[in-house]
């Protein structure tokens, strides 16, 4: 999980459930899952042990209907990292 969370840059906004939260609070702006107070985070970190979130991208869509997220990585231990897509300029 440490390697997965290391992909998140310092200072990023992250929505996370209990597993990843303690590993991120010292270097990121972290919100508890479902309590972002109107902020659309750059990343969502989920402890997905036991396949709790069968469709992590779909779950992110429920949390933030106006944003799109892609799986940025996952571990065999059941952790998933989602990254918000950015609009391409043009």
C-alpha atoms as a PDB file:
ATOM      1  CA  UNK A   1       0.000   0.000   0.000  1.00  0.00           C
ATOM      2  CA  UNK A   2       2.848   2.421   0.734  1.00  0.00           C
ATOM      3  CA  UNK A   3       4.056   2.289  -2.863  1.00  0.00           C
ATOM      4  CA  UNK A   4       0.562   2.906  -4.150  1.00  0.00           C
ATOM      5  CA  UNK A   5       0.020   5.923  -1.893  1.00  0.00           C
ATOM      6  CA  UNK A   6       3.468   7.276  -2.812  1.00  0.00           C
ATOM      7  CA  UNK A   7       2.021   8.013  -6.272  1.00  0.00           C
ATOM      8  CA  UNK A   8      -0.029  10.797  -4.710  1.00  0.00           C
ATOM      9  CA  UNK A   9       1.930  14.065  -4.807  1.00  0.00           C
ATOM     10  CA  UNK A  10       2.425  16.104  -1.649  1.00  0.00           C
ATOM     11  CA  UNK A  11      -0.291  18.707  -1.207  1.00  0.00           C
ATOM     12  CA  UNK A  12      -2.874  16.825  -3.281  1.00  0.00           C
ATOM     13  CA  UNK A  13      -6.508  16.612  -2.195  1.00  0.00           C
ATOM     14  CA  UNK A  14      -7.468  13.049  -1.312  1.00  0.00           C
ATOM     15  CA  UNK A  15     -10.708  11.438  -0.234  1.00  0.00           C
ATOM     16  CA  UNK A  16     -10.004   8.232   1.648  1.00  0.00           C
ATOM     17  CA  UNK A  17     -11.499   5.648   3.913  1.00  0.00           C
ATOM     18  CA  UNK A  18      -9.949   4.668   7.217  1.00  0.00           C
ATOM     19  CA  UNK A  19      -7.107   2.455   5.941  1.00  0.00           C
ATOM     20  CA  UNK A  20      -5.180   5.040   3.898  1.00  0.00           C
ATOM     21  CA  UNK A  21      -6.062   8.165   5.914  1.00  0.00           C
ATOM     22  CA  UNK A  22      -3.319   7.943   8.543  1.00  0.00           C
ATOM     23  CA  UNK A  23      -0.647   7.494   5.887  1.00  0.00           C
ATOM     24  CA  UNK A  24      -1.653  10.648   4.022  1.00  0.00           C
ATOM     25  CA  UNK A  25      -2.563  13.325   6.571  1.00  0.00           C
ATOM     26  CA  UNK A  26       1.012  14.515   7.084  1.00  0.00           C
ATOM     27  CA  UNK A  27       1.484  15.455   3.432  1.00  0.00           C
ATOM     28  CA  UNK A  28      -1.914  15.822   1.734  1.00  0.00           C
ATOM     29  CA  UNK A  29      -5.248  17.541   2.306  1.00  0.00           C
ATOM     30  CA  UNK A  30      -7.320  14.517   3.272  1.00  0.00           C
ATOM     31  CA  UNK A  31     -11.089  14.159   3.541  1.00  0.00           C
ATOM     32  CA  UNK A  32     -12.935  11.226   5.018  1.00  0.00           C
ATOM     33  CA  UNK A  33     -14.827   9.218   2.421  1.00  0.00           C
ATOM     34  CA  UNK A  34     -18.176  10.877   1.718  1.00  0.00           C
ATOM     35  CA  UNK A  35     -17.358  14.089   3.619  1.00  0.00           C
ATOM     36  CA  UNK A  36     -15.476  16.366   1.211  1.00  0.00           C
ATOM     37  CA  UNK A  37     -17.665  19.410   1.917  1.00  0.00           C
ATOM     38  CA  UNK A  38     -18.012  20.308  -1.751  1.00  0.00           C
ATOM     39  CA  UNK A  39     -14.376  19.681  -2.703  1.00  0.00           C
ATOM     40  CA  UNK A  40     -13.809  17.355  -5.656  1.00  0.00           C
ATOM     41  CA  UNK A  41     -10.577  15.585  -4.713  1.00  0.00           C
ATOM     42  CA  UNK A  42      -7.768  14.819  -7.105  1.00  0.00           C
ATOM     43  CA  UNK A  43      -7.486  11.291  -5.711  1.00  0.00           C
ATOM     44  CA  UNK A  44      -9.671   8.733  -3.955  1.00  0.00           C
ATOM     45  CA  UNK A  45      -7.932   6.016  -1.922  1.00  0.00           C
ATOM     46  CA  UNK A  46     -10.036   3.019  -0.980  1.00  0.00           C
ATOM     47  CA  UNK A  47      -9.408   0.033   1.230  1.00  0.00           C
ATOM     48  CA  UNK A  48     -11.156  -2.518  -0.956  1.00  0.00           C
ATOM     49  CA  UNK A  49     -10.478  -5.655   1.058  1.00  0.00           C
ATOM     50  CA  UNK A  50     -13.030  -8.339   0.271  1.00  0.00           C
ATOM     51  CA  UNK A  51     -14.051  -6.469  -2.888  1.00  0.00           C
ATOM     52  CA  UNK A  52     -16.221  -4.104  -0.854  1.00  0.00           C
ATOM     53  CA  UNK A  53     -16.358  -1.673  -3.757  1.00  0.00           C
ATOM     54  CA  UNK A  54     -17.096  -3.950  -6.718  1.00  0.00           C
ATOM     55  CA  UNK A  55     -16.925  -0.981  -9.095  1.00  0.00           C
ATOM     56  CA  UNK A  56     -14.586   1.648  -7.598  1.00  0.00           C
ATOM     57  CA  UNK A  57     -14.931   3.977 -10.603  1.00  0.00           C
ATOM     58  CA  UNK A  58     -18.715   3.760 -10.408  1.00  0.00           C
ATOM     59  CA  UNK A  59     -18.563   4.449  -6.680  1.00  0.00           C
ATOM     60  CA  UNK A  60     -16.445   7.550  -7.343  1.00  0.00           C
ATOM     61  CA  UNK A  61     -19.087   8.663  -9.861  1.00  0.00           C
ATOM     62  CA  UNK A  62     -21.740   8.375  -7.145  1.00  0.00           C
ATOM     63  CA  UNK A  63     -19.632  10.505  -4.807  1.00  0.00           C
ATOM     64  CA  UNK A  64     -18.706  13.103  -7.453  1.00  0.00           C
ATOM     65  CA  UNK A  65     -21.142  12.983 -10.414  1.00  0.00           C
ATOM     66  CA  UNK A  66     -19.461  15.863 -12.266  1.00  0.00           C
ATOM     67  CA  UNK A  67     -15.950  14.355 -12.161  1.00  0.00           C
ATOM     68  CA  UNK A  68     -14.421  11.357 -13.882  1.00  0.00           C
ATOM     69  CA  UNK A  69     -11.916   9.062 -12.208  1.00  0.00           C
ATOM     70  CA  UNK A  70      -9.634   6.337 -13.507  1.00  0.00           C
ATOM     71  CA  UNK A  71      -7.898   3.569 -11.580  1.00  0.00           C
ATOM     72  CA  UNK A  72      -4.346   4.803 -11.011  1.00  0.00           C
ATOM     73  CA  UNK A  73      -3.275   1.594  -9.289  1.00  0.00           C
ATOM     74  CA  UNK A  74      -4.268  -1.216  -6.989  1.00  0.00           C
ATOM     75  CA  UNK A  75      -2.576  -3.685  -4.692  1.00  0.00           C
ATOM     76  CA  UNK A  76      -3.038  -7.394  -4.196  1.00  0.00           C
ATOM     77  CA  UNK A  77      -3.892  -6.496  -0.585  1.00  0.00           C
ATOM     78  CA  UNK A  78      -7.106  -4.831  -1.707  1.00  0.00           C
ATOM     79  CA  UNK A  79      -6.279  -1.127  -1.937  1.00  0.00           C
ATOM     80  CA  UNK A  80      -7.368   0.968  -4.928  1.00  0.00           C
ATOM     81  CA  UNK A  81      -6.215   4.437  -5.931  1.00  0.00           C
ATOM     82  CA  UNK A  82      -8.366   6.521  -8.264  1.00  0.00           C
ATOM     83  CA  UNK A  83      -7.162   9.691  -9.967  1.00  0.00           C
ATOM     84  CA  UNK A  84      -9.447  12.410 -11.291  1.00  0.00           C
ATOM     85  CA  UNK A  85      -9.220  13.012 -15.025  1.00  0.00           C
ATOM     86  CA  UNK A  86      -8.291  16.516 -15.991  1.00  0.00           C
ATOM     87  CA  UNK A  87      -9.901  18.281 -18.904  1.00  0.00           C
ATOM     88  CA  UNK A  88      -7.558  18.419 -21.865  1.00  0.00           C
ATOM     89  CA  UNK A  89      -6.936  21.856 -23.204  1.00  0.00           C
ATOM     90  CA  UNK A  90      -7.487  22.608 -26.819  1.00  0.00           C
END
